[in-house]
């Protein structure tokens, strides 16, 4: 979190994270290529690298997609979320390497520009067996580039969190395109049932985690009941853990009710940074702290501590007979 725009800076944690990602990626490529050369001794190094980079990028995308729901299901996974954008950019770079090697291998040996050859050499969109699956991978790579190029908080601030979030939700479109890319490409040329089972397992894991996280999130939503003309009954005061929150729904809006020092404060559940769930965070040093990236807000005012200027909506509260009452209209 920064007051002004700065060049991208890496603290020690980010440096360690990036080194680990780079080391694991390099190890994966070396092991994959080594085993591939033993299983397929006639395969060229270019072919082995294309396969290694492609499978690595697909694996990394699965990890990126699984981090979010895992964090909703178990808070112990939250540290993985902090640097997820770094992993996303790394996924794009690995995918780009796969694309460049593939472009050289399959489209750079003729008289036509390789990109022109990629876009025009196969137009059999009406055929499953001959479908131009490479175009699906190319389109997925373009979207990943757009996401990687706008991953810095500079773009988050200027595009607004809502627009930025919608843009980066296109990662699901990328996943769908790559499933089609693999299904119409590698799965048709490689008849091994192992490859089919691995892709199917990945798809099932991603879908299952998202469904479980969605089910848990829906179950935790409690709709407040009307209490008088102005306030509504939200929850029991004792049901709110100290320095943590209970999330309720008012007028289709999620509101986080925090308990601290014998009182309650109600704020919008949506963090101004990346729409993170404030209600899943806690109060640290007197400030509501978002569990995603540590953005903070003063409970009573919803404002970030000076010199920061971010602010979330707050709601008037009362405690009557052990019940927390809320004004459904934000201040």
C-alpha atoms as a PDB file:
ATOM      1  CA  UNK A   1       0.000   0.000   0.000  1.00  0.00           C
ATOM      2  CA  UNK A   2       1.600   3.244  -1.123  1.00  0.00           C
ATOM      3  CA  UNK A   3       0.688   6.927  -1.006  1.00  0.00           C
ATOM      4  CA  UNK A   4       2.224   7.685  -4.371  1.00  0.00           C
ATOM      5  CA  UNK A   5       3.022   5.763  -7.564  1.00  0.00           C
ATOM      6  CA  UNK A   6       6.397   4.063  -7.472  1.00  0.00           C
ATOM      7  CA  UNK A   7       8.250   1.633  -9.646  1.00  0.00           C
ATOM      8  CA  UNK A   8       7.533  -1.982  -8.770  1.00  0.00           C
ATOM      9  CA  UNK A   9       9.462  -2.774  -5.601  1.00  0.00           C
ATOM     10  CA  UNK A  10      10.261  -6.235  -4.275  1.00  0.00           C
ATOM     11  CA  UNK A  11      10.512  -6.696  -0.543  1.00  0.00           C
ATOM     12  CA  UNK A  12      12.345  -9.702   0.882  1.00  0.00           C
ATOM     13  CA  UNK A  13       9.220 -11.855   0.962  1.00  0.00           C
ATOM     14  CA  UNK A  14       8.454 -11.181  -2.696  1.00  0.00           C
ATOM     15  CA  UNK A  15      12.057 -11.873  -3.693  1.00  0.00           C
ATOM     16  CA  UNK A  16      12.047 -15.204  -1.862  1.00  0.00           C
ATOM     17  CA  UNK A  17       8.679 -16.052  -3.423  1.00  0.00           C
ATOM     18  CA  UNK A  18       9.871 -15.260  -6.940  1.00  0.00           C
ATOM     19  CA  UNK A  19      13.091 -17.230  -6.477  1.00  0.00           C
ATOM     20  CA  UNK A  20      11.122 -20.269  -5.309  1.00  0.00           C
ATOM     21  CA  UNK A  21       8.700 -20.013  -8.253  1.00  0.00           C
ATOM     22  CA  UNK A  22      11.606 -19.668 -10.701  1.00  0.00           C
ATOM     23  CA  UNK A  23      13.510 -22.584  -9.153  1.00  0.00           C
ATOM     24  CA  UNK A  24      10.473 -24.884  -9.149  1.00  0.00           C
ATOM     25  CA  UNK A  25       9.640 -23.928 -12.737  1.00  0.00           C
ATOM     26  CA  UNK A  26      13.187 -24.590 -13.915  1.00  0.00           C
ATOM     27  CA  UNK A  27      13.268 -27.917 -12.063  1.00  0.00           C
ATOM     28  CA  UNK A  28       9.958 -28.950 -13.617  1.00  0.00           C
ATOM     29  CA  UNK A  29      11.204 -28.184 -17.133  1.00  0.00           C
ATOM     30  CA  UNK A  30      14.468 -30.068 -16.587  1.00  0.00           C
ATOM     31  CA  UNK A  31      12.765 -33.132 -15.101  1.00  0.00           C
ATOM     32  CA  UNK A  32       9.999 -33.147 -17.720  1.00  0.00           C
ATOM     33  CA  UNK A  33      12.451 -32.826 -20.604  1.00  0.00           C
ATOM     34  CA  UNK A  34      14.722 -35.465 -19.104  1.00  0.00           C
ATOM     35  CA  UNK A  35      11.955 -38.009 -18.641  1.00  0.00           C
ATOM     36  CA  UNK A  36      10.530 -37.114 -22.043  1.00  0.00           C
ATOM     37  CA  UNK A  37      13.823 -37.839 -23.760  1.00  0.00           C
ATOM     38  CA  UNK A  38      13.893 -41.279 -22.116  1.00  0.00           C
ATOM     39  CA  UNK A  39      10.282 -42.115 -23.007  1.00  0.00           C
ATOM     40  CA  UNK A  40      10.470 -40.576 -26.495  1.00  0.00           C
ATOM     41  CA  UNK A  41      14.131 -40.823 -27.579  1.00  0.00           C
ATOM     42  CA  UNK A  42      13.337 -39.540 -31.077  1.00  0.00           C
ATOM     43  CA  UNK A  43      11.763 -36.299 -29.822  1.00  0.00           C
ATOM     44  CA  UNK A  44      13.725 -33.114 -30.485  1.00  0.00           C
ATOM     45  CA  UNK A  45      14.696 -30.714 -27.711  1.00  0.00           C
ATOM     46  CA  UNK A  46      12.311 -28.145 -29.201  1.00  0.00           C
ATOM     47  CA  UNK A  47       9.394 -30.586 -28.931  1.00  0.00           C
ATOM     48  CA  UNK A  48      10.326 -31.484 -25.357  1.00  0.00           C
ATOM     49  CA  UNK A  49      10.522 -27.807 -24.378  1.00  0.00           C
ATOM     50  CA  UNK A  50       7.162 -27.065 -26.004  1.00  0.00           C
ATOM     51  CA  UNK A  51       5.544 -29.859 -24.023  1.00  0.00           C
ATOM     52  CA  UNK A  52       7.309 -28.975 -20.782  1.00  0.00           C
ATOM     53  CA  UNK A  53       6.435 -25.279 -20.978  1.00  0.00           C
ATOM     54  CA  UNK A  54       2.859 -25.969 -22.050  1.00  0.00           C
ATOM     55  CA  UNK A  55       2.125 -28.426 -19.254  1.00  0.00           C
ATOM     56  CA  UNK A  56       3.848 -26.159 -16.720  1.00  0.00           C
ATOM     57  CA  UNK A  57       1.769 -23.138 -17.721  1.00  0.00           C
ATOM     58  CA  UNK A  58      -1.414 -25.212 -17.514  1.00  0.00           C
ATOM     59  CA  UNK A  59      -0.410 -26.521 -14.078  1.00  0.00           C
ATOM     60  CA  UNK A  60       0.396 -23.022 -12.808  1.00  0.00           C
ATOM     61  CA  UNK A  61      -2.973 -21.753 -14.009  1.00  0.00           C
ATOM     62  CA  UNK A  62      -4.666 -24.510 -12.005  1.00  0.00           C
ATOM     63  CA  UNK A  63      -2.757 -23.396  -8.906  1.00  0.00           C
ATOM     64  CA  UNK A  64      -3.729 -19.747  -9.481  1.00  0.00           C
ATOM     65  CA  UNK A  65      -7.398 -20.720  -9.773  1.00  0.00           C
ATOM     66  CA  UNK A  66      -7.301 -22.945  -6.678  1.00  0.00           C
ATOM     67  CA  UNK A  67      -5.701 -20.421  -4.321  1.00  0.00           C
ATOM     68  CA  UNK A  68      -8.836 -18.259  -4.034  1.00  0.00           C
ATOM     69  CA  UNK A  69     -11.333 -20.963  -3.018  1.00  0.00           C
ATOM     70  CA  UNK A  70      -8.745 -22.654  -0.782  1.00  0.00           C
ATOM     71  CA  UNK A  71      -8.393 -19.397   1.161  1.00  0.00           C
ATOM     72  CA  UNK A  72     -12.180 -19.195   1.590  1.00  0.00           C
ATOM     73  CA  UNK A  73     -12.269 -22.771   2.861  1.00  0.00           C
ATOM     74  CA  UNK A  74      -9.238 -22.547   5.164  1.00  0.00           C
ATOM     75  CA  UNK A  75      -7.553 -19.343   6.388  1.00  0.00           C
ATOM     76  CA  UNK A  76      -4.182 -21.104   6.551  1.00  0.00           C
ATOM     77  CA  UNK A  77      -3.909 -20.734   2.774  1.00  0.00           C
ATOM     78  CA  UNK A  78      -4.128 -16.914   2.954  1.00  0.00           C
ATOM     79  CA  UNK A  79      -0.333 -16.393   2.681  1.00  0.00           C
ATOM     80  CA  UNK A  80      -0.542 -17.911  -0.813  1.00  0.00           C
ATOM     81  CA  UNK A  81      -2.988 -15.188  -1.830  1.00  0.00           C
ATOM     82  CA  UNK A  82      -0.639 -12.332  -0.993  1.00  0.00           C
ATOM     83  CA  UNK A  83       1.646 -12.930  -3.993  1.00  0.00           C
ATOM     84  CA  UNK A  84      -0.878 -14.562  -6.339  1.00  0.00           C
ATOM     85  CA  UNK A  85      -0.359 -11.795  -8.906  1.00  0.00           C
ATOM     86  CA  UNK A  86       3.331 -12.721  -9.103  1.00  0.00           C
ATOM     87  CA  UNK A  87       2.330 -16.290  -9.847  1.00  0.00           C
ATOM     88  CA  UNK A  88      -0.110 -15.052 -12.481  1.00  0.00           C
ATOM     89  CA  UNK A  89       2.584 -13.041 -14.248  1.00  0.00           C
ATOM     90  CA  UNK A  90       4.928 -16.039 -14.067  1.00  0.00           C
ATOM     91  CA  UNK A  91       2.190 -18.170 -15.638  1.00  0.00           C
ATOM     92  CA  UNK A  92       1.962 -15.699 -18.538  1.00  0.00           C
ATOM     93  CA  UNK A  93       5.744 -15.749 -19.058  1.00  0.00           C
ATOM     94  CA  UNK A  94       5.831 -19.548 -19.145  1.00  0.00           C
ATOM     95  CA  UNK A  95       2.851 -19.594 -21.517  1.00  0.00           C
ATOM     96  CA  UNK A  96       4.537 -16.988 -23.702  1.00  0.00           C
ATOM     97  CA  UNK A  97       7.661 -19.149 -23.910  1.00  0.00           C
ATOM     98  CA  UNK A  98       5.525 -22.119 -24.912  1.00  0.00           C
ATOM     99  CA  UNK A  99       3.814 -19.995 -27.575  1.00  0.00           C
ATOM    100  CA  UNK A 100       7.070 -18.653 -29.005  1.00  0.00           C
ATOM    101  CA  UNK A 101       8.641 -22.111 -29.290  1.00  0.00           C
ATOM    102  CA  UNK A 102       5.446 -23.462 -30.866  1.00  0.00           C
ATOM    103  CA  UNK A 103       5.291 -20.571 -33.332  1.00  0.00           C
ATOM    104  CA  UNK A 104       8.894 -21.191 -34.397  1.00  0.00           C
ATOM    105  CA  UNK A 105       8.437 -24.953 -34.590  1.00  0.00           C
ATOM    106  CA  UNK A 106       5.211 -24.994 -36.614  1.00  0.00           C
ATOM    107  CA  UNK A 107       4.953 -21.653 -38.446  1.00  0.00           C
ATOM    108  CA  UNK A 108       8.418 -20.186 -39.023  1.00  0.00           C
ATOM    109  CA  UNK A 109       9.732 -22.482 -41.748  1.00  0.00           C
ATOM    110  CA  UNK A 110       7.694 -21.138 -44.659  1.00  0.00           C
ATOM    111  CA  UNK A 111       7.523 -17.921 -46.675  1.00  0.00           C
ATOM    112  CA  UNK A 112       4.504 -16.558 -44.750  1.00  0.00           C
ATOM    113  CA  UNK A 113       4.891 -14.441 -41.625  1.00  0.00           C
ATOM    114  CA  UNK A 114       4.579 -16.837 -38.631  1.00  0.00           C
ATOM    115  CA  UNK A 115       1.713 -14.854 -37.044  1.00  0.00           C
ATOM    116  CA  UNK A 116      -0.115 -14.684 -40.372  1.00  0.00           C
ATOM    117  CA  UNK A 117       0.416 -18.416 -40.785  1.00  0.00           C
ATOM    118  CA  UNK A 118      -0.959 -19.047 -37.291  1.00  0.00           C
ATOM    119  CA  UNK A 119      -4.107 -17.031 -37.969  1.00  0.00           C
ATOM    120  CA  UNK A 120      -4.778 -18.236 -41.499  1.00  0.00           C
ATOM    121  CA  UNK A 121      -3.264 -21.678 -42.067  1.00  0.00           C
ATOM    122  CA  UNK A 122      -6.203 -23.560 -40.573  1.00  0.00           C
ATOM    123  CA  UNK A 123      -9.797 -22.336 -40.780  1.00  0.00           C
ATOM    124  CA  UNK A 124     -11.557 -25.671 -40.176  1.00  0.00           C
ATOM    125  CA  UNK A 125     -13.842 -24.310 -37.447  1.00  0.00           C
ATOM    126  CA  UNK A 126     -16.549 -26.766 -38.511  1.00  0.00           C
ATOM    127  CA  UNK A 127     -14.428 -29.815 -37.709  1.00  0.00           C
ATOM    128  CA  UNK A 128     -13.672 -31.240 -34.282  1.00  0.00           C
ATOM    129  CA  UNK A 129     -10.739 -33.356 -35.442  1.00  0.00           C
ATOM    130  CA  UNK A 130      -9.194 -30.518 -37.489  1.00  0.00           C
ATOM    131  CA  UNK A 131     -10.268 -27.550 -35.321  1.00  0.00           C
ATOM    132  CA  UNK A 132      -7.598 -24.783 -35.187  1.00  0.00           C
ATOM    133  CA  UNK A 133      -6.868 -25.338 -31.512  1.00  0.00           C
ATOM    134  CA  UNK A 134      -3.731 -23.185 -31.675  1.00  0.00           C
ATOM    135  CA  UNK A 135      -5.946 -20.103 -32.012  1.00  0.00           C
ATOM    136  CA  UNK A 136      -7.544 -20.907 -28.668  1.00  0.00           C
ATOM    137  CA  UNK A 137      -4.127 -20.937 -27.011  1.00  0.00           C
ATOM    138  CA  UNK A 138      -3.179 -17.697 -28.788  1.00  0.00           C
ATOM    139  CA  UNK A 139      -6.349 -15.967 -27.566  1.00  0.00           C
ATOM    140  CA  UNK A 140      -5.749 -17.237 -24.015  1.00  0.00           C
ATOM    141  CA  UNK A 141      -2.202 -15.863 -24.165  1.00  0.00           C
ATOM    142  CA  UNK A 142      -3.479 -12.435 -25.240  1.00  0.00           C
ATOM    143  CA  UNK A 143      -5.824 -12.310 -22.256  1.00  0.00           C
ATOM    144  CA  UNK A 144      -3.043 -13.422 -19.912  1.00  0.00           C
ATOM    145  CA  UNK A 145      -0.862 -10.642 -21.330  1.00  0.00           C
ATOM    146  CA  UNK A 146      -3.587  -8.088 -20.645  1.00  0.00           C
ATOM    147  CA  UNK A 147      -3.927  -9.341 -17.078  1.00  0.00           C
ATOM    148  CA  UNK A 148      -0.167  -9.427 -16.488  1.00  0.00           C
ATOM    149  CA  UNK A 149       0.314  -5.936 -17.929  1.00  0.00           C
ATOM    150  CA  UNK A 150      -2.353  -4.502 -15.589  1.00  0.00           C
ATOM    151  CA  UNK A 151      -1.385  -6.464 -12.485  1.00  0.00           C
ATOM    152  CA  UNK A 152       0.290  -3.519 -10.708  1.00  0.00           C
ATOM    153  CA  UNK A 153      -1.698  -1.363  -8.268  1.00  0.00           C
ATOM    154  CA  UNK A 154      -1.222   1.604 -10.618  1.00  0.00           C
ATOM    155  CA  UNK A 155      -3.779   0.042 -12.962  1.00  0.00           C
ATOM    156  CA  UNK A 156      -5.952  -1.147 -10.089  1.00  0.00           C
ATOM    157  CA  UNK A 157      -6.285   2.439  -8.874  1.00  0.00           C
ATOM    158  CA  UNK A 158      -6.822   4.086 -12.257  1.00  0.00           C
ATOM    159  CA  UNK A 159      -9.177   1.470 -13.696  1.00  0.00           C
ATOM    160  CA  UNK A 160     -11.087   1.377 -10.341  1.00  0.00           C
ATOM    161  CA  UNK A 161     -11.307  -1.843  -8.327  1.00  0.00           C
ATOM    162  CA  UNK A 162     -14.607  -2.876  -9.957  1.00  0.00           C
ATOM    163  CA  UNK A 163     -13.321  -2.600 -13.546  1.00  0.00           C
ATOM    164  CA  UNK A 164      -9.972  -4.126 -12.611  1.00  0.00           C
ATOM    165  CA  UNK A 165     -11.661  -7.065 -10.909  1.00  0.00           C
ATOM    166  CA  UNK A 166     -13.896  -7.709 -13.910  1.00  0.00           C
ATOM    167  CA  UNK A 167     -10.858  -7.634 -16.168  1.00  0.00           C
ATOM    168  CA  UNK A 168      -8.976 -10.147 -14.057  1.00  0.00           C
ATOM    169  CA  UNK A 169     -12.014 -12.405 -13.729  1.00  0.00           C
ATOM    170  CA  UNK A 170     -11.277 -13.182 -17.385  1.00  0.00           C
ATOM    171  CA  UNK A 171      -8.857 -15.763 -15.997  1.00  0.00           C
ATOM    172  CA  UNK A 172     -11.825 -18.141 -16.123  1.00  0.00           C
ATOM    173  CA  UNK A 173     -12.191 -17.453 -19.837  1.00  0.00           C
ATOM    174  CA  UNK A 174      -8.475 -18.236 -20.169  1.00  0.00           C
ATOM    175  CA  UNK A 175      -9.007 -21.528 -18.385  1.00  0.00           C
ATOM    176  CA  UNK A 176     -11.909 -22.465 -20.656  1.00  0.00           C
ATOM    177  CA  UNK A 177      -9.854 -21.588 -23.747  1.00  0.00           C
ATOM    178  CA  UNK A 178      -6.906 -23.659 -22.562  1.00  0.00           C
ATOM    179  CA  UNK A 179      -9.098 -26.642 -21.736  1.00  0.00           C
ATOM    180  CA  UNK A 180     -10.350 -26.411 -25.323  1.00  0.00           C
ATOM    181  CA  UNK A 181      -6.791 -25.885 -26.581  1.00  0.00           C
ATOM    182  CA  UNK A 182      -5.593 -29.044 -24.822  1.00  0.00           C
ATOM    183  CA  UNK A 183      -8.716 -31.074 -25.538  1.00  0.00           C
ATOM    184  CA  UNK A 184      -8.757 -30.321 -29.250  1.00  0.00           C
ATOM    185  CA  UNK A 185      -4.985 -30.483 -29.595  1.00  0.00           C
ATOM    186  CA  UNK A 186      -2.830 -32.655 -27.331  1.00  0.00           C
ATOM    187  CA  UNK A 187      -5.615 -35.012 -26.264  1.00  0.00           C
ATOM    188  CA  UNK A 188      -6.339 -35.868 -29.902  1.00  0.00           C
ATOM    189  CA  UNK A 189      -2.727 -36.403 -30.916  1.00  0.00           C
ATOM    190  CA  UNK A 190      -1.700 -38.185 -27.711  1.00  0.00           C
ATOM    191  CA  UNK A 191      -3.891 -41.210 -27.037  1.00  0.00           C
ATOM    192  CA  UNK A 192      -2.497 -41.891 -23.550  1.00  0.00           C
ATOM    193  CA  UNK A 193      -5.308 -42.254 -20.977  1.00  0.00           C
ATOM    194  CA  UNK A 194      -2.975 -40.770 -18.370  1.00  0.00           C
ATOM    195  CA  UNK A 195      -3.049 -37.376 -20.062  1.00  0.00           C
ATOM    196  CA  UNK A 196      -6.845 -37.472 -20.312  1.00  0.00           C
ATOM    197  CA  UNK A 197      -7.206 -38.407 -16.646  1.00  0.00           C
ATOM    198  CA  UNK A 198      -4.804 -35.673 -15.530  1.00  0.00           C
ATOM    199  CA  UNK A 199      -6.690 -32.965 -17.440  1.00  0.00           C
ATOM    200  CA  UNK A 200     -10.038 -34.291 -16.195  1.00  0.00           C
ATOM    201  CA  UNK A 201      -8.766 -34.410 -12.609  1.00  0.00           C
ATOM    202  CA  UNK A 202      -7.583 -30.815 -12.815  1.00  0.00           C
ATOM    203  CA  UNK A 203     -10.960 -29.683 -14.136  1.00  0.00           C
ATOM    204  CA  UNK A 204     -12.809 -31.561 -11.393  1.00  0.00           C
ATOM    205  CA  UNK A 205     -10.546 -30.141  -8.656  1.00  0.00           C
ATOM    206  CA  UNK A 206     -10.979 -26.538  -9.836  1.00  0.00           C
ATOM    207  CA  UNK A 207     -14.768 -26.854 -10.167  1.00  0.00           C
ATOM    208  CA  UNK A 208     -15.163 -28.701  -6.858  1.00  0.00           C
ATOM    209  CA  UNK A 209     -13.135 -26.167  -4.863  1.00  0.00           C
ATOM    210  CA  UNK A 210     -15.128 -23.271  -6.304  1.00  0.00           C
ATOM    211  CA  UNK A 211     -18.445 -24.984  -5.590  1.00  0.00           C
ATOM    212  CA  UNK A 212     -17.414 -25.781  -2.004  1.00  0.00           C
ATOM    213  CA  UNK A 213     -16.174 -22.222  -1.417  1.00  0.00           C
ATOM    214  CA  UNK A 214     -19.387 -20.804  -2.862  1.00  0.00           C
ATOM    215  CA  UNK A 215     -21.481 -23.109  -0.689  1.00  0.00           C
ATOM    216  CA  UNK A 216     -19.573 -22.075   2.433  1.00  0.00           C
ATOM    217  CA  UNK A 217     -19.869 -18.388   1.590  1.00  0.00           C
ATOM    218  CA  UNK A 218     -23.606 -18.678   0.999  1.00  0.00           C
ATOM    219  CA  UNK A 219     -24.060 -20.557   4.254  1.00  0.00           C
ATOM    220  CA  UNK A 220     -22.332 -17.811   6.252  1.00  0.00           C
ATOM    221  CA  UNK A 221     -24.637 -15.114   4.874  1.00  0.00           C
ATOM    222  CA  UNK A 222     -27.372 -14.345   7.381  1.00  0.00           C
ATOM    223  CA  UNK A 223     -30.227 -12.072   6.316  1.00  0.00           C
ATOM    224  CA  UNK A 224     -31.161  -9.514   8.988  1.00  0.00           C
ATOM    225  CA  UNK A 225     -34.758  -9.196  10.234  1.00  0.00           C
ATOM    226  CA  UNK A 226     -36.655  -5.895  10.396  1.00  0.00           C
ATOM    227  CA  UNK A 227     -36.737  -4.201  13.808  1.00  0.00           C
ATOM    228  CA  UNK A 228     -38.856  -1.066  14.000  1.00  0.00           C
ATOM    229  CA  UNK A 229     -39.073   1.621  11.336  1.00  0.00           C
ATOM    230  CA  UNK A 230     -35.398   2.340  10.875  1.00  0.00           C
ATOM    231  CA  UNK A 231     -33.143  -0.359  12.296  1.00  0.00           C
ATOM    232  CA  UNK A 232     -33.009  -4.083  11.606  1.00  0.00           C
ATOM    233  CA  UNK A 233     -31.924  -6.870  13.905  1.00  0.00           C
ATOM    234  CA  UNK A 234     -28.668  -8.273  12.565  1.00  0.00           C
ATOM    235  CA  UNK A 235     -27.258 -10.779  15.070  1.00  0.00           C
ATOM    236  CA  UNK A 236     -26.483 -11.467  18.722  1.00  0.00           C
ATOM    237  CA  UNK A 237     -23.668  -9.381  20.169  1.00  0.00           C
ATOM    238  CA  UNK A 238     -22.118 -12.460  21.783  1.00  0.00           C
ATOM    239  CA  UNK A 239     -22.056 -14.301  18.448  1.00  0.00           C
ATOM    240  CA  UNK A 240     -19.360 -11.928  17.147  1.00  0.00           C
ATOM    241  CA  UNK A 241     -15.792 -12.974  18.074  1.00  0.00           C
ATOM    242  CA  UNK A 242     -13.668 -10.286  19.690  1.00  0.00           C
ATOM    243  CA  UNK A 243     -11.776  -8.217  17.073  1.00  0.00           C
ATOM    244  CA  UNK A 244     -13.453 -10.202  14.316  1.00  0.00           C
ATOM    245  CA  UNK A 245     -16.677  -9.857  12.361  1.00  0.00           C
ATOM    246  CA  UNK A 246     -20.026 -11.397  11.594  1.00  0.00           C
ATOM    247  CA  UNK A 247     -21.221 -10.864   8.023  1.00  0.00           C
ATOM    248  CA  UNK A 248     -24.912 -10.132   7.398  1.00  0.00           C
ATOM    249  CA  UNK A 249     -26.881  -9.181   4.302  1.00  0.00           C
ATOM    250  CA  UNK A 250     -28.914  -5.963   4.070  1.00  0.00           C
ATOM    251  CA  UNK A 251     -30.547  -4.898   0.809  1.00  0.00           C
ATOM    252  CA  UNK A 252     -28.397  -7.447  -1.053  1.00  0.00           C
ATOM    253  CA  UNK A 253     -25.244  -5.888   0.408  1.00  0.00           C
ATOM    254  CA  UNK A 254     -22.842  -7.755   2.670  1.00  0.00           C
ATOM    255  CA  UNK A 255     -21.996  -5.862   5.827  1.00  0.00           C
ATOM    256  CA  UNK A 256     -19.232  -6.836   8.256  1.00  0.00           C
ATOM    257  CA  UNK A 257     -20.079  -6.198  11.927  1.00  0.00           C
ATOM    258  CA  UNK A 258     -16.884  -6.055  13.989  1.00  0.00           C
ATOM    259  CA  UNK A 259     -16.763  -6.389  17.764  1.00  0.00           C
ATOM    260  CA  UNK A 260     -14.025  -4.552  19.606  1.00  0.00           C
ATOM    261  CA  UNK A 261     -13.563  -3.142  23.102  1.00  0.00           C
ATOM    262  CA  UNK A 262     -17.152  -3.853  24.113  1.00  0.00           C
ATOM    263  CA  UNK A 263     -18.696  -2.132  21.089  1.00  0.00           C
ATOM    264  CA  UNK A 264     -19.507  -2.882  17.474  1.00  0.00           C
ATOM    265  CA  UNK A 265     -18.756  -1.169  14.167  1.00  0.00           C
ATOM    266  CA  UNK A 266     -20.392  -2.042  10.864  1.00  0.00           C
ATOM    267  CA  UNK A 267     -18.669  -1.479   7.512  1.00  0.00           C
ATOM    268  CA  UNK A 268     -19.076  -2.627   3.939  1.00  0.00           C
ATOM    269  CA  UNK A 269     -17.636  -6.106   3.496  1.00  0.00           C
ATOM    270  CA  UNK A 270     -15.872  -5.036   0.286  1.00  0.00           C
ATOM    271  CA  UNK A 271     -12.271  -3.810   0.511  1.00  0.00           C
ATOM    272  CA  UNK A 272     -11.439  -0.876  -1.747  1.00  0.00           C
ATOM    273  CA  UNK A 273      -8.281  -2.572  -2.996  1.00  0.00           C
ATOM    274  CA  UNK A 274      -9.366  -5.769  -4.752  1.00  0.00           C
ATOM    275  CA  UNK A 275     -12.882  -6.216  -3.353  1.00  0.00           C
ATOM    276  CA  UNK A 276     -11.461  -8.473  -0.658  1.00  0.00           C
ATOM    277  CA  UNK A 277     -13.780  -9.763   2.123  1.00  0.00           C
ATOM    278  CA  UNK A 278     -13.170  -7.454   5.091  1.00  0.00           C
ATOM    279  CA  UNK A 279     -15.443  -9.598   7.247  1.00  0.00           C
ATOM    280  CA  UNK A 280     -12.932 -12.427   7.023  1.00  0.00           C
ATOM    281  CA  UNK A 281     -10.199 -10.190   8.388  1.00  0.00           C
ATOM    282  CA  UNK A 282      -9.633  -8.941  11.926  1.00  0.00           C
ATOM    283  CA  UNK A 283      -8.796  -5.786  13.858  1.00  0.00           C
ATOM    284  CA  UNK A 284      -5.046  -5.276  14.146  1.00  0.00           C
ATOM    285  CA  UNK A 285      -3.566  -2.221  15.858  1.00  0.00           C
ATOM    286  CA  UNK A 286      -7.048  -0.732  16.100  1.00  0.00           C
ATOM    287  CA  UNK A 287      -7.751  -1.055  12.365  1.00  0.00           C
ATOM    288  CA  UNK A 288      -9.869  -3.476  10.358  1.00  0.00           C
ATOM    289  CA  UNK A 289      -7.296  -5.363   8.290  1.00  0.00           C
ATOM    290  CA  UNK A 290      -8.227  -7.009   4.993  1.00  0.00           C
ATOM    291  CA  UNK A 291      -7.119 -10.657   4.952  1.00  0.00           C
ATOM    292  CA  UNK A 292      -6.049 -10.463   1.312  1.00  0.00           C
ATOM    293  CA  UNK A 293      -3.372  -7.763   1.199  1.00  0.00           C
ATOM    294  CA  UNK A 294      -3.438  -6.052   4.593  1.00  0.00           C
ATOM    295  CA  UNK A 295      -5.302  -2.864   3.635  1.00  0.00           C
ATOM    296  CA  UNK A 296      -6.612  -1.171   6.790  1.00  0.00           C
ATOM    297  CA  UNK A 297      -9.625   0.907   7.823  1.00  0.00           C
ATOM    298  CA  UNK A 298     -10.617   2.616  11.074  1.00  0.00           C
ATOM    299  CA  UNK A 299     -13.716   0.768  12.368  1.00  0.00           C
ATOM    300  CA  UNK A 300     -15.685   3.858  13.413  1.00  0.00           C
ATOM    301  CA  UNK A 301     -15.156   5.916  10.248  1.00  0.00           C
ATOM    302  CA  UNK A 302     -14.314   3.358   7.561  1.00  0.00           C
ATOM    303  CA  UNK A 303     -11.370   5.556   6.524  1.00  0.00           C
ATOM    304  CA  UNK A 304      -7.828   4.340   6.033  1.00  0.00           C
ATOM    305  CA  UNK A 305      -5.362   5.765   8.569  1.00  0.00           C
ATOM    306  CA  UNK A 306      -3.551   8.924   7.340  1.00  0.00           C
ATOM    307  CA  UNK A 307      -1.966   9.678   4.956  1.00  0.00           C
ATOM    308  CA  UNK A 308      -4.061   7.168   2.977  1.00  0.00           C
ATOM    309  CA  UNK A 309      -7.424   8.294   1.649  1.00  0.00           C
ATOM    310  CA  UNK A 310      -9.324   5.069   0.884  1.00  0.00           C
ATOM    311  CA  UNK A 311     -12.679   4.689   2.623  1.00  0.00           C
ATOM    312  CA  UNK A 312     -15.445   2.087   2.908  1.00  0.00           C
ATOM    313  CA  UNK A 313     -19.078   2.697   3.792  1.00  0.00           C
ATOM    314  CA  UNK A 314     -20.099   2.512   7.463  1.00  0.00           C
ATOM    315  CA  UNK A 315     -23.459   1.808   9.092  1.00  0.00           C
ATOM    316  CA  UNK A 316     -25.050   3.112  12.279  1.00  0.00           C
ATOM    317  CA  UNK A 317     -25.344   0.446  14.981  1.00  0.00           C
ATOM    318  CA  UNK A 318     -27.077  -0.080  18.312  1.00  0.00           C
ATOM    319  CA  UNK A 319     -26.973  -2.809  20.934  1.00  0.00           C
ATOM    320  CA  UNK A 320     -30.383  -3.523  22.485  1.00  0.00           C
ATOM    321  CA  UNK A 321     -30.937  -6.460  24.867  1.00  0.00           C
ATOM    322  CA  UNK A 322     -27.871  -8.235  23.564  1.00  0.00           C
ATOM    323  CA  UNK A 323     -28.958  -7.804  19.928  1.00  0.00           C
ATOM    324  CA  UNK A 324     -27.018  -5.813  17.335  1.00  0.00           C
ATOM    325  CA  UNK A 325     -29.301  -3.463  15.368  1.00  0.00           C
ATOM    326  CA  UNK A 326     -28.233  -1.869  12.085  1.00  0.00           C
ATOM    327  CA  UNK A 327     -29.452   1.050  10.043  1.00  0.00           C
ATOM    328  CA  UNK A 328     -29.691  -0.415   6.521  1.00  0.00           C
ATOM    329  CA  UNK A 329     -28.761   2.926   4.942  1.00  0.00           C
ATOM    330  CA  UNK A 330     -25.008   3.607   4.880  1.00  0.00           C
ATOM    331  CA  UNK A 331     -23.696   6.841   6.321  1.00  0.00           C
END
